[in-house]
């Protein structure tokens, strides 16, 4: 079955960096687009970054442009989110997502906390 497992979250000071990973299994990873979402307490889940399957084209939420980079390694069935210049407002649970035949699949999430 489809499985997405995030890792790499943690506590970091403002201005610091983290790299999140999402290991995928149970489907042909290379042919599906992948996304990162995040959700803060009391807020709706929001799209952070998206990467297509073939061309690897990317797009980002305005709030993270220039600071975050999404990438994928199809040989490792893994999608990454490099987060630099982190701000307290980036604090959230970060989720990996894909959509297959109209159904969305989510990972369990990884907590990112930006605080001094």
PDB file of N, CA and C in Angstrom:
ATOM      1  N   UNK A   1       0.836  -1.183   0.000  1.00  0.00           N
ATOM      2  CA  UNK A   1       0.000   0.000   0.000  1.00  0.00           C
ATOM      3  C   UNK A   1       0.879   1.244   0.000  1.00  0.00           C
ATOM      4  N   UNK A   2       0.276   2.365  -0.353  1.00  0.00           N
ATOM      5  CA  UNK A   2       1.011   3.629  -0.387  1.00  0.00           C
ATOM      6  C   UNK A   2       1.423   4.030   1.026  1.00  0.00           C
ATOM      7  N   UNK A   3       2.689   4.379   1.157  1.00  0.00           N
ATOM      8  CA  UNK A   3       3.196   4.816   2.458  1.00  0.00           C
ATOM      9  C   UNK A   3       4.142   5.983   2.252  1.00  0.00           C
ATOM     10  N   UNK A   4       3.955   7.006   3.075  1.00  0.00           N
ATOM     11  CA  UNK A   4       4.816   8.185   3.074  1.00  0.00           C
ATOM     12  C   UNK A   4       5.298   8.406   4.498  1.00  0.00           C
ATOM     13  N   UNK A   5       6.606   8.479   4.674  1.00  0.00           N
ATOM     14  CA  UNK A   5       7.173   8.614   6.016  1.00  0.00           C
ATOM     15  C   UNK A   5       8.120   9.806   6.048  1.00  0.00           C
ATOM     16  N   UNK A   6       7.722  10.840   6.789  1.00  0.00           N
ATOM     17  CA  UNK A   6       8.541  12.044   6.930  1.00  0.00           C
ATOM     18  C   UNK A   6       9.546  11.895   8.061  1.00  0.00           C
ATOM     19  N   UNK A   7      10.654  12.607   7.925  1.00  0.00           N
ATOM     20  CA  UNK A   7      11.658  12.671   8.980  1.00  0.00           C
ATOM     21  C   UNK A   7      12.445  13.964   8.828  1.00  0.00           C
ATOM     22  N   UNK A   8      13.226  14.278   9.861  1.00  0.00           N
ATOM     23  CA  UNK A   8      14.100  15.436   9.783  1.00  0.00           C
ATOM     24  C   UNK A   8      13.647  16.658  10.545  1.00  0.00           C
ATOM     25  N   UNK A   9      12.460  16.600  11.133  1.00  0.00           N
ATOM     26  CA  UNK A   9      11.996  17.741  11.906  1.00  0.00           C
ATOM     27  C   UNK A   9      12.761  17.878  13.207  1.00  0.00           C
ATOM     28  N   UNK A  10      12.488  18.983  13.903  1.00  0.00           N
ATOM     29  CA  UNK A  10      13.150  19.200  15.181  1.00  0.00           C
ATOM     30  C   UNK A  10      13.053  20.638  15.617  1.00  0.00           C
ATOM     31  N   UNK A  11      13.838  20.968  16.633  1.00  0.00           N
ATOM     32  CA  UNK A  11      13.894  22.323  17.167  1.00  0.00           C
ATOM     33  C   UNK A  11      15.112  23.036  16.595  1.00  0.00           C
ATOM     34  N   UNK A  12      14.894  24.233  16.075  1.00  0.00           N
ATOM     35  CA  UNK A  12      15.988  25.000  15.483  1.00  0.00           C
ATOM     36  C   UNK A  12      15.808  26.466  15.847  1.00  0.00           C
ATOM     37  N   UNK A  13      16.903  27.183  15.955  1.00  0.00           N
ATOM     38  CA  UNK A  13      16.836  28.610  16.264  1.00  0.00           C
ATOM     39  C   UNK A  13      16.459  29.413  15.020  1.00  0.00           C
ATOM     40  N   UNK A  14      15.877  30.575  15.212  1.00  0.00           N
ATOM     41  CA  UNK A  14      15.601  31.452  14.055  1.00  0.00           C
ATOM     42  C   UNK A  14      16.866  31.690  13.245  1.00  0.00           C
ATOM     43  N   UNK A  15      16.714  31.639  11.914  1.00  0.00           N
ATOM     44  CA  UNK A  15      17.856  31.774  11.027  1.00  0.00           C
ATOM     45  C   UNK A  15      18.540  30.463  10.687  1.00  0.00           C
ATOM     46  N   UNK A  16      18.147  29.413  11.373  1.00  0.00           N
ATOM     47  CA  UNK A  16      18.767  28.113  11.140  1.00  0.00           C
ATOM     48  C   UNK A  16      18.171  27.374   9.954  1.00  0.00           C
ATOM     49  N   UNK A  17      18.640  26.133   9.770  1.00  0.00           N
ATOM     50  CA  UNK A  17      18.221  25.319   8.629  1.00  0.00           C
ATOM     51  C   UNK A  17      17.843  23.915   9.082  1.00  0.00           C
ATOM     52  N   UNK A  18      16.969  23.302   8.314  1.00  0.00           N
ATOM     53  CA  UNK A  18      16.614  21.904   8.477  1.00  0.00           C
ATOM     54  C   UNK A  18      16.352  21.315   7.100  1.00  0.00           C
ATOM     55  N   UNK A  19      16.571  20.017   6.967  1.00  0.00           N
ATOM     56  CA  UNK A  19      16.181  19.321   5.746  1.00  0.00           C
ATOM     57  C   UNK A  19      15.225  18.199   6.114  1.00  0.00           C
ATOM     58  N   UNK A  20      14.030  18.287   5.573  1.00  0.00           N
ATOM     59  CA  UNK A  20      13.041  17.245   5.762  1.00  0.00           C
ATOM     60  C   UNK A  20      13.136  16.227   4.633  1.00  0.00           C
ATOM     61  N   UNK A  21      12.854  14.982   4.977  1.00  0.00           N
ATOM     62  CA  UNK A  21      12.809  13.909   3.980  1.00  0.00           C
ATOM     63  C   UNK A  21      11.467  13.211   4.052  1.00  0.00           C
ATOM     64  N   UNK A  22      11.033  12.699   2.918  1.00  0.00           N
ATOM     65  CA  UNK A  22       9.805  11.914   2.863  1.00  0.00           C
ATOM     66  C   UNK A  22      10.105  10.673   2.013  1.00  0.00           C
ATOM     67  N   UNK A  23      10.145   9.532   2.676  1.00  0.00           N
ATOM     68  CA  UNK A  23      10.406   8.268   1.989  1.00  0.00           C
ATOM     69  C   UNK A  23       9.086   7.653   1.548  1.00  0.00           C
ATOM     70  N   UNK A  24       8.995   7.355   0.266  1.00  0.00           N
ATOM     71  CA  UNK A  24       7.749   6.837  -0.317  1.00  0.00           C
ATOM     72  C   UNK A  24       7.892   5.364  -0.675  1.00  0.00           C
ATOM     73  N   UNK A  25       6.795   4.644  -0.569  1.00  0.00           N
ATOM     74  CA  UNK A  25       6.781   3.242  -0.972  1.00  0.00           C
ATOM     75  C   UNK A  25       5.357   2.846  -1.352  1.00  0.00           C
ATOM     76  N   UNK A  26       5.256   1.746  -2.082  1.00  0.00           N
ATOM     77  CA  UNK A  26       3.947   1.220  -2.430  1.00  0.00           C
ATOM     78  C   UNK A  26       3.362   1.743  -3.732  1.00  0.00           C
ATOM     79  N   UNK A  27       4.122   2.581  -4.436  1.00  0.00           N
ATOM     80  CA  UNK A  27       3.660   3.094  -5.729  1.00  0.00           C
ATOM     81  C   UNK A  27       4.883   3.490  -6.557  1.00  0.00           C
ATOM     82  N   UNK A  28       4.654   3.763  -7.840  1.00  0.00           N
ATOM     83  CA  UNK A  28       5.752   4.134  -8.727  1.00  0.00           C
ATOM     84  C   UNK A  28       6.063   5.615  -8.526  1.00  0.00           C
ATOM     85  N   UNK A  29       6.957   5.867  -7.620  1.00  0.00           N
ATOM     86  CA  UNK A  29       7.244   7.225  -7.141  1.00  0.00           C
ATOM     87  C   UNK A  29       7.561   8.190  -8.282  1.00  0.00           C
ATOM     88  N   UNK A  30       8.341   7.725  -9.243  1.00  0.00           N
ATOM     89  CA  UNK A  30       8.878   8.640 -10.260  1.00  0.00           C
ATOM     90  C   UNK A  30       7.815   9.276 -11.145  1.00  0.00           C
ATOM     91  N   UNK A  31       6.619   8.717 -11.209  1.00  0.00           N
ATOM     92  CA  UNK A  31       5.625   9.242 -12.142  1.00  0.00           C
ATOM     93  C   UNK A  31       4.582  10.120 -11.462  1.00  0.00           C
ATOM     94  N   UNK A  32       4.763  10.401 -10.186  1.00  0.00           N
ATOM     95  CA  UNK A  32       3.780  11.216  -9.468  1.00  0.00           C
ATOM     96  C   UNK A  32       4.405  12.479  -8.889  1.00  0.00           C
ATOM     97  N   UNK A  33       3.641  13.561  -8.989  1.00  0.00           N
ATOM     98  CA  UNK A  33       4.043  14.791  -8.337  1.00  0.00           C
ATOM     99  C   UNK A  33       3.996  14.608  -6.823  1.00  0.00           C
ATOM    100  N   UNK A  34       4.796  15.399  -6.142  1.00  0.00           N
ATOM    101  CA  UNK A  34       4.868  15.339  -4.687  1.00  0.00           C
ATOM    102  C   UNK A  34       4.772  16.755  -4.121  1.00  0.00           C
ATOM    103  N   UNK A  35       4.229  16.837  -2.913  1.00  0.00           N
ATOM    104  CA  UNK A  35       4.065  18.146  -2.281  1.00  0.00           C
ATOM    105  C   UNK A  35       4.426  18.069  -0.804  1.00  0.00           C
ATOM    106  N   UNK A  36       4.779  19.232  -0.280  1.00  0.00           N
ATOM    107  CA  UNK A  36       4.908  19.427   1.165  1.00  0.00           C
ATOM    108  C   UNK A  36       3.846  20.428   1.601  1.00  0.00           C
ATOM    109  N   UNK A  37       3.157  20.084   2.670  1.00  0.00           N
ATOM    110  CA  UNK A  37       2.189  20.963   3.313  1.00  0.00           C
ATOM    111  C   UNK A  37       2.627  21.178   4.759  1.00  0.00           C
ATOM    112  N   UNK A  38       2.020  22.179   5.395  1.00  0.00           N
ATOM    113  CA  UNK A  38       2.266  22.368   6.818  1.00  0.00           C
ATOM    114  C   UNK A  38       0.989  22.848   7.488  1.00  0.00           C
ATOM    115  N   UNK A  39       0.928  22.588   8.793  1.00  0.00           N
ATOM    116  CA  UNK A  39      -0.221  23.021   9.570  1.00  0.00           C
ATOM    117  C   UNK A  39       0.223  23.475  10.950  1.00  0.00           C
ATOM    118  N   UNK A  40      -0.141  24.709  11.281  1.00  0.00           N
ATOM    119  CA  UNK A  40       0.137  25.270  12.603  1.00  0.00           C
ATOM    120  C   UNK A  40      -1.124  25.179  13.441  1.00  0.00           C
ATOM    121  N   UNK A  41      -0.993  25.201  14.783  1.00  0.00           N
ATOM    122  CA  UNK A  41      -2.176  25.131  15.646  1.00  0.00           C
ATOM    123  C   UNK A  41      -3.172  26.241  15.315  1.00  0.00           C
ATOM    124  N   UNK A  42      -4.414  25.869  15.130  1.00  0.00           N
ATOM    125  CA  UNK A  42      -5.454  26.840  14.866  1.00  0.00           C
ATOM    126  C   UNK A  42      -5.524  27.333  13.438  1.00  0.00           C
ATOM    127  N   UNK A  43      -4.669  26.800  12.588  1.00  0.00           N
ATOM    128  CA  UNK A  43      -4.663  27.230  11.188  1.00  0.00           C
ATOM    129  C   UNK A  43      -4.960  26.053  10.270  1.00  0.00           C
ATOM    130  N   UNK A  44      -5.399  26.382   9.059  1.00  0.00           N
ATOM    131  CA  UNK A  44      -5.643  25.337   8.073  1.00  0.00           C
ATOM    132  C   UNK A  44      -4.318  24.834   7.501  1.00  0.00           C
ATOM    133  N   UNK A  45      -4.357  23.601   7.035  1.00  0.00           N
ATOM    134  CA  UNK A  45      -3.175  23.050   6.377  1.00  0.00           C
ATOM    135  C   UNK A  45      -2.938  23.818   5.079  1.00  0.00           C
ATOM    136  N   UNK A  46      -1.690  24.179   4.807  1.00  0.00           N
ATOM    137  CA  UNK A  46      -1.376  24.972   3.632  1.00  0.00           C
ATOM    138  C   UNK A  46      -0.273  24.330   2.812  1.00  0.00           C
ATOM    139  N   UNK A  47      -0.358  24.551   1.502  1.00  0.00           N
ATOM    140  CA  UNK A  47       0.668  24.056   0.591  1.00  0.00           C
ATOM    141  C   UNK A  47       1.938  24.888   0.751  1.00  0.00           C
ATOM    142  N   UNK A  48       3.052  24.207   0.911  1.00  0.00           N
ATOM    143  CA  UNK A  48       4.348  24.874   1.043  1.00  0.00           C
ATOM    144  C   UNK A  48       5.124  24.813  -0.268  1.00  0.00           C
ATOM    145  N   UNK A  49       5.203  23.610  -0.853  1.00  0.00           N
ATOM    146  CA  UNK A  49       5.999  23.444  -2.068  1.00  0.00           C
ATOM    147  C   UNK A  49       5.507  22.223  -2.823  1.00  0.00           C
ATOM    148  N   UNK A  50       5.726  22.253  -4.137  1.00  0.00           N
ATOM    149  CA  UNK A  50       5.243  21.195  -5.021  1.00  0.00           C
ATOM    150  C   UNK A  50       6.297  20.930  -6.084  1.00  0.00           C
ATOM    151  N   UNK A  51       6.452  19.652  -6.442  1.00  0.00           N
ATOM    152  CA  UNK A  51       7.388  19.298  -7.504  1.00  0.00           C
ATOM    153  C   UNK A  51       6.722  18.291  -8.427  1.00  0.00           C
ATOM    154  N   UNK A  52       6.855  18.520  -9.727  1.00  0.00           N
ATOM    155  CA  UNK A  52       6.236  17.620 -10.684  1.00  0.00           C
ATOM    156  C   UNK A  52       7.056  16.338 -10.825  1.00  0.00           C
ATOM    157  N   UNK A  53       6.480  15.395 -11.558  1.00  0.00           N
ATOM    158  CA  UNK A  53       7.132  14.086 -11.666  1.00  0.00           C
ATOM    159  C   UNK A  53       8.200  14.057 -12.747  1.00  0.00           C
ATOM    160  N   UNK A  54       7.879  14.572 -13.920  1.00  0.00           N
ATOM    161  CA  UNK A  54       8.787  14.403 -15.047  1.00  0.00           C
ATOM    162  C   UNK A  54       9.818  15.520 -15.151  1.00  0.00           C
ATOM    163  N   UNK A  55       9.360  16.739 -15.310  1.00  0.00           N
ATOM    164  CA  UNK A  55      10.300  17.846 -15.500  1.00  0.00           C
ATOM    165  C   UNK A  55      10.931  18.307 -14.193  1.00  0.00           C
ATOM    166  N   UNK A  56      10.296  17.934 -13.090  1.00  0.00           N
ATOM    167  CA  UNK A  56      10.821  18.400 -11.807  1.00  0.00           C
ATOM    168  C   UNK A  56      10.572  19.879 -11.580  1.00  0.00           C
ATOM    169  N   UNK A  57       9.595  20.429 -12.279  1.00  0.00           N
ATOM    170  CA  UNK A  57       9.253  21.834 -12.054  1.00  0.00           C
ATOM    171  C   UNK A  57       8.721  22.016 -10.640  1.00  0.00           C
ATOM    172  N   UNK A  58       9.009  23.182 -10.073  1.00  0.00           N
ATOM    173  CA  UNK A  58       8.644  23.440  -8.682  1.00  0.00           C
ATOM    174  C   UNK A  58       7.829  24.710  -8.549  1.00  0.00           C
ATOM    175  N   UNK A  59       7.033  24.775  -7.492  1.00  0.00           N
ATOM    176  CA  UNK A  59       6.431  26.040  -7.108  1.00  0.00           C
ATOM    177  C   UNK A  59       6.295  26.078  -5.590  1.00  0.00           C
ATOM    178  N   UNK A  60       6.202  27.299  -5.079  1.00  0.00           N
ATOM    179  CA  UNK A  60       6.291  27.527  -3.634  1.00  0.00           C
ATOM    180  C   UNK A  60       5.240  28.523  -3.171  1.00  0.00           C
ATOM    181  N   UNK A  61       4.874  28.397  -1.907  1.00  0.00           N
ATOM    182  CA  UNK A  61       4.071  29.429  -1.272  1.00  0.00           C
ATOM    183  C   UNK A  61       4.906  30.704  -1.200  1.00  0.00           C
ATOM    184  N   UNK A  62       4.249  31.842  -1.326  1.00  0.00           N
ATOM    185  CA  UNK A  62       4.972  33.116  -1.290  1.00  0.00           C
ATOM    186  C   UNK A  62       5.772  33.266  -0.001  1.00  0.00           C
ATOM    187  N   UNK A  63       5.254  32.732   1.089  1.00  0.00           N
ATOM    188  CA  UNK A  63       5.887  32.900   2.394  1.00  0.00           C
ATOM    189  C   UNK A  63       7.226  32.176   2.516  1.00  0.00           C
ATOM    190  N   UNK A  64       7.508  31.226   1.618  1.00  0.00           N
ATOM    191  CA  UNK A  64       8.753  30.469   1.726  1.00  0.00           C
ATOM    192  C   UNK A  64       9.662  30.635   0.517  1.00  0.00           C
ATOM    193  N   UNK A  65       9.218  31.367  -0.497  1.00  0.00           N
ATOM    194  CA  UNK A  65      10.032  31.548  -1.704  1.00  0.00           C
ATOM    195  C   UNK A  65      11.376  32.152  -1.355  1.00  0.00           C
ATOM    196  N   UNK A  66      12.414  31.584  -1.924  1.00  0.00           N
ATOM    197  CA  UNK A  66      13.764  32.070  -1.684  1.00  0.00           C
ATOM    198  C   UNK A  66      14.407  31.489  -0.446  1.00  0.00           C
ATOM    199  N   UNK A  67      13.632  30.789   0.382  1.00  0.00           N
ATOM    200  CA  UNK A  67      14.176  30.193   1.611  1.00  0.00           C
ATOM    201  C   UNK A  67      14.100  28.667   1.590  1.00  0.00           C
ATOM    202  N   UNK A  68      13.055  28.122   0.987  1.00  0.00           N
ATOM    203  CA  UNK A  68      12.846  26.673   0.956  1.00  0.00           C
ATOM    204  C   UNK A  68      13.091  26.149  -0.459  1.00  0.00           C
ATOM    205  N   UNK A  69      13.578  24.917  -0.535  1.00  0.00           N
ATOM    206  CA  UNK A  69      13.784  24.257  -1.816  1.00  0.00           C
ATOM    207  C   UNK A  69      13.276  22.824  -1.743  1.00  0.00           C
ATOM    208  N   UNK A  70      12.387  22.483  -2.664  1.00  0.00           N
ATOM    209  CA  UNK A  70      11.906  21.105  -2.762  1.00  0.00           C
ATOM    210  C   UNK A  70      12.692  20.395  -3.856  1.00  0.00           C
ATOM    211  N   UNK A  71      13.023  19.137  -3.599  1.00  0.00           N
ATOM    212  CA  UNK A  71      13.728  18.341  -4.596  1.00  0.00           C
ATOM    213  C   UNK A  71      13.316  16.886  -4.431  1.00  0.00           C
ATOM    214  N   UNK A  72      13.689  16.076  -5.413  1.00  0.00           N
ATOM    215  CA  UNK A  72      13.341  14.660  -5.336  1.00  0.00           C
ATOM    216  C   UNK A  72      14.479  13.815  -5.884  1.00  0.00           C
ATOM    217  N   UNK A  73      14.593  12.608  -5.352  1.00  0.00           N
ATOM    218  CA  UNK A  73      15.549  11.627  -5.832  1.00  0.00           C
ATOM    219  C   UNK A  73      14.734  10.390  -6.193  1.00  0.00           C
ATOM    220  N   UNK A  74      14.474  10.221  -7.472  1.00  0.00           N
ATOM    221  CA  UNK A  74      13.619   9.115  -7.893  1.00  0.00           C
ATOM    222  C   UNK A  74      14.283   7.755  -7.674  1.00  0.00           C
ATOM    223  N   UNK A  75      15.598   7.733  -7.639  1.00  0.00           N
ATOM    224  CA  UNK A  75      16.299   6.469  -7.376  1.00  0.00           C
ATOM    225  C   UNK A  75      16.108   6.023  -5.929  1.00  0.00           C
ATOM    226  N   UNK A  76      15.889   6.984  -5.042  1.00  0.00           N
ATOM    227  CA  UNK A  76      15.702   6.666  -3.627  1.00  0.00           C
ATOM    228  C   UNK A  76      14.250   6.773  -3.187  1.00  0.00           C
ATOM    229  N   UNK A  77      13.351   7.081  -4.125  1.00  0.00           N
ATOM    230  CA  UNK A  77      11.928   7.239  -3.784  1.00  0.00           C
ATOM    231  C   UNK A  77      11.734   8.218  -2.628  1.00  0.00           C
ATOM    232  N   UNK A  78      12.428   9.328  -2.715  1.00  0.00           N
ATOM    233  CA  UNK A  78      12.421  10.287  -1.604  1.00  0.00           C
ATOM    234  C   UNK A  78      12.269  11.711  -2.137  1.00  0.00           C
ATOM    235  N   UNK A  79      11.477  12.487  -1.435  1.00  0.00           N
ATOM    236  CA  UNK A  79      11.351  13.912  -1.714  1.00  0.00           C
ATOM    237  C   UNK A  79      11.867  14.669  -0.488  1.00  0.00           C
ATOM    238  N   UNK A  80      12.521  15.793  -0.746  1.00  0.00           N
ATOM    239  CA  UNK A  80      13.162  16.569   0.304  1.00  0.00           C
ATOM    240  C   UNK A  80      12.584  17.983   0.360  1.00  0.00           C
ATOM    241  N   UNK A  81      12.734  18.597   1.515  1.00  0.00           N
ATOM    242  CA  UNK A  81      12.443  20.015   1.664  1.00  0.00           C
ATOM    243  C   UNK A  81      13.587  20.637   2.454  1.00  0.00           C
ATOM    244  N   UNK A  82      14.426  21.386   1.756  1.00  0.00           N
ATOM    245  CA  UNK A  82      15.507  22.123   2.409  1.00  0.00           C
ATOM    246  C   UNK A  82      14.951  23.455   2.870  1.00  0.00           C
ATOM    247  N   UNK A  83      15.054  23.716   4.163  1.00  0.00           N
ATOM    248  CA  UNK A  83      14.499  24.935   4.744  1.00  0.00           C
ATOM    249  C   UNK A  83      15.631  25.761   5.352  1.00  0.00           C
ATOM    250  N   UNK A  84      15.843  26.931   4.809  1.00  0.00           N
ATOM    251  CA  UNK A  84      16.880  27.846   5.288  1.00  0.00           C
ATOM    252  C   UNK A  84      16.244  29.118   5.840  1.00  0.00           C
ATOM    253  N   UNK A  85      17.033  29.863   6.571  1.00  0.00           N
ATOM    254  CA  UNK A  85      16.573  31.137   7.141  1.00  0.00           C
ATOM    255  C   UNK A  85      15.220  30.971   7.836  1.00  0.00           C
ATOM    256  N   UNK A  86      15.134  29.965   8.665  1.00  0.00           N
ATOM    257  CA  UNK A  86      13.856  29.646   9.300  1.00  0.00           C
ATOM    258  C   UNK A  86      13.416  30.752  10.250  1.00  0.00           C
ATOM    259  N   UNK A  87      12.096  30.934  10.291  1.00  0.00           N
ATOM    260  CA  UNK A  87      11.474  31.960  11.123  1.00  0.00           C
ATOM    261  C   UNK A  87      10.519  31.292  12.116  1.00  0.00           C
ATOM    262  N   UNK A  88      10.221  31.958  13.220  1.00  0.00           N
ATOM    263  CA  UNK A  88       9.258  31.375  14.173  1.00  0.00           C
ATOM    264  C   UNK A  88       7.923  31.017  13.524  1.00  0.00           C
ATOM    265  N   UNK A  89       7.506  31.790  12.530  1.00  0.00           N
ATOM    266  CA  UNK A  89       6.233  31.508  11.869  1.00  0.00           C
ATOM    267  C   UNK A  89       6.274  30.273  10.973  1.00  0.00           C
ATOM    268  N   UNK A  90       7.447  29.685  10.794  1.00  0.00           N
ATOM    269  CA  UNK A  90       7.552  28.415  10.067  1.00  0.00           C
ATOM    270  C   UNK A  90       7.240  27.218  10.974  1.00  0.00           C
ATOM    271  N   UNK A  91       7.073  27.475  12.253  1.00  0.00           N
ATOM    272  CA  UNK A  91       6.745  26.405  13.194  1.00  0.00           C
ATOM    273  C   UNK A  91       5.428  25.744  12.808  1.00  0.00           C
ATOM    274  N   UNK A  92       5.467  24.429  12.626  1.00  0.00           N
ATOM    275  CA  UNK A  92       4.280  23.694  12.171  1.00  0.00           C
ATOM    276  C   UNK A  92       4.615  22.209  12.102  1.00  0.00           C
ATOM    277  N   UNK A  93       3.583  21.423  11.872  1.00  0.00           N
ATOM    278  CA  UNK A  93       3.798  20.040  11.473  1.00  0.00           C
ATOM    279  C   UNK A  93       3.845  20.029   9.952  1.00  0.00           C
ATOM    280  N   UNK A  94       4.869  19.410   9.419  1.00  0.00           N
ATOM    281  CA  UNK A  94       5.073  19.359   7.973  1.00  0.00           C
ATOM    282  C   UNK A  94       4.690  17.961   7.460  1.00  0.00           C
ATOM    283  N   UNK A  95       3.890  17.958   6.410  1.00  0.00           N
ATOM    284  CA  UNK A  95       3.371  16.721   5.837  1.00  0.00           C
ATOM    285  C   UNK A  95       3.784  16.573   4.375  1.00  0.00           C
ATOM    286  N   UNK A  96       4.051  15.352   4.012  1.00  0.00           N
ATOM    287  CA  UNK A  96       4.315  14.974   2.635  1.00  0.00           C
ATOM    288  C   UNK A  96       2.991  14.478   2.041  1.00  0.00           C
ATOM    289  N   UNK A  97       2.767  14.768   0.760  1.00  0.00           N
ATOM    290  CA  UNK A  97       1.513  14.373   0.121  1.00  0.00           C
ATOM    291  C   UNK A  97       1.738  14.003  -1.325  1.00  0.00           C
ATOM    292  N   UNK A  98       0.966  13.018  -1.784  1.00  0.00           N
ATOM    293  CA  UNK A  98       0.873  12.733  -3.206  1.00  0.00           C
ATOM    294  C   UNK A  98      -0.582  12.411  -3.535  1.00  0.00           C
ATOM    295  N   UNK A  99      -0.891  12.433  -4.810  1.00  0.00           N
ATOM    296  CA  UNK A  99      -2.250  12.110  -5.246  1.00  0.00           C
ATOM    297  C   UNK A  99      -2.171  11.078  -6.361  1.00  0.00           C
ATOM    298  N   UNK A 100      -2.888   9.977  -6.155  1.00  0.00           N
ATOM    299  CA  UNK A 100      -2.864   8.883  -7.121  1.00  0.00           C
ATOM    300  C   UNK A 100      -4.301   8.534  -7.477  1.00  0.00           C
ATOM    301  N   UNK A 101      -4.604   8.628  -8.772  1.00  0.00           N
ATOM    302  CA  UNK A 101      -5.955   8.317  -9.278  1.00  0.00           C
ATOM    303  C   UNK A 101      -7.029   9.049  -8.470  1.00  0.00           C
ATOM    304  N   UNK A 102      -6.765  10.307  -8.211  1.00  0.00           N
ATOM    305  CA  UNK A 102      -7.749  11.151  -7.557  1.00  0.00           C
ATOM    306  C   UNK A 102      -7.802  11.051  -6.042  1.00  0.00           C
ATOM    307  N   UNK A 103      -6.999  10.200  -5.460  1.00  0.00           N
ATOM    308  CA  UNK A 103      -6.997  10.047  -4.010  1.00  0.00           C
ATOM    309  C   UNK A 103      -5.709  10.624  -3.441  1.00  0.00           C
ATOM    310  N   UNK A 104      -5.859  11.411  -2.372  1.00  0.00           N
ATOM    311  CA  UNK A 104      -4.710  11.998  -1.712  1.00  0.00           C
ATOM    312  C   UNK A 104      -4.172  11.060  -0.641  1.00  0.00           C
ATOM    313  N   UNK A 105      -2.856  10.993  -0.568  1.00  0.00           N
ATOM    314  CA  UNK A 105      -2.179  10.208   0.456  1.00  0.00           C
ATOM    315  C   UNK A 105      -1.247  11.137   1.233  1.00  0.00           C
ATOM    316  N   UNK A 106      -1.258  10.977   2.552  1.00  0.00           N
ATOM    317  CA  UNK A 106      -0.488  11.829   3.442  1.00  0.00           C
ATOM    318  C   UNK A 106       0.425  10.988   4.326  1.00  0.00           C
ATOM    319  N   UNK A 107       1.547  11.594   4.692  1.00  0.00           N
ATOM    320  CA  UNK A 107       2.371  10.995   5.724  1.00  0.00           C
ATOM    321  C   UNK A 107       1.840  11.374   7.091  1.00  0.00           C
ATOM    322  N   UNK A 108       2.562  10.928   8.131  1.00  0.00           N
ATOM    323  CA  UNK A 108       2.111  11.188   9.495  1.00  0.00           C
ATOM    324  C   UNK A 108       2.544  12.554  10.000  1.00  0.00           C
ATOM    325  N   UNK A 109       3.468  13.171   9.285  1.00  0.00           N
ATOM    326  CA  UNK A 109       3.933  14.508   9.645  1.00  0.00           C
ATOM    327  C   UNK A 109       5.180  14.492  10.515  1.00  0.00           C
ATOM    328  N   UNK A 110       5.920  15.599  10.444  1.00  0.00           N
ATOM    329  CA  UNK A 110       7.097  15.786  11.297  1.00  0.00           C
ATOM    330  C   UNK A 110       7.064  17.212  11.839  1.00  0.00           C
ATOM    331  N   UNK A 111       7.311  17.359  13.131  1.00  0.00           N
ATOM    332  CA  UNK A 111       7.200  18.656  13.792  1.00  0.00           C
ATOM    333  C   UNK A 111       8.450  19.486  13.569  1.00  0.00           C
ATOM    334  N   UNK A 112       8.253  20.716  13.155  1.00  0.00           N
ATOM    335  CA  UNK A 112       9.333  21.692  13.045  1.00  0.00           C
ATOM    336  C   UNK A 112       9.007  22.839  13.997  1.00  0.00           C
ATOM    337  N   UNK A 113       9.934  23.122  14.894  1.00  0.00           N
ATOM    338  CA  UNK A 113       9.753  24.216  15.846  1.00  0.00           C
ATOM    339  C   UNK A 113      10.925  25.176  15.717  1.00  0.00           C
ATOM    340  N   UNK A 114      10.617  26.436  15.439  1.00  0.00           N
ATOM    341  CA  UNK A 114      11.637  27.465  15.290  1.00  0.00           C
ATOM    342  C   UNK A 114      11.507  28.415  16.481  1.00  0.00           C
ATOM    343  N   UNK A 115      12.489  28.356  17.351  1.00  0.00           N
ATOM    344  CA  UNK A 115      12.411  29.135  18.580  1.00  0.00           C
ATOM    345  C   UNK A 115      13.800  29.324  19.163  1.00  0.00           C
ATOM    346  N   UNK A 116      13.997  30.474  19.825  1.00  0.00           N
ATOM    347  CA  UNK A 116      15.254  30.708  20.507  1.00  0.00           C
ATOM    348  C   UNK A 116      15.159  30.299  21.965  1.00  0.00           C
TER     349      UNK A 116
END
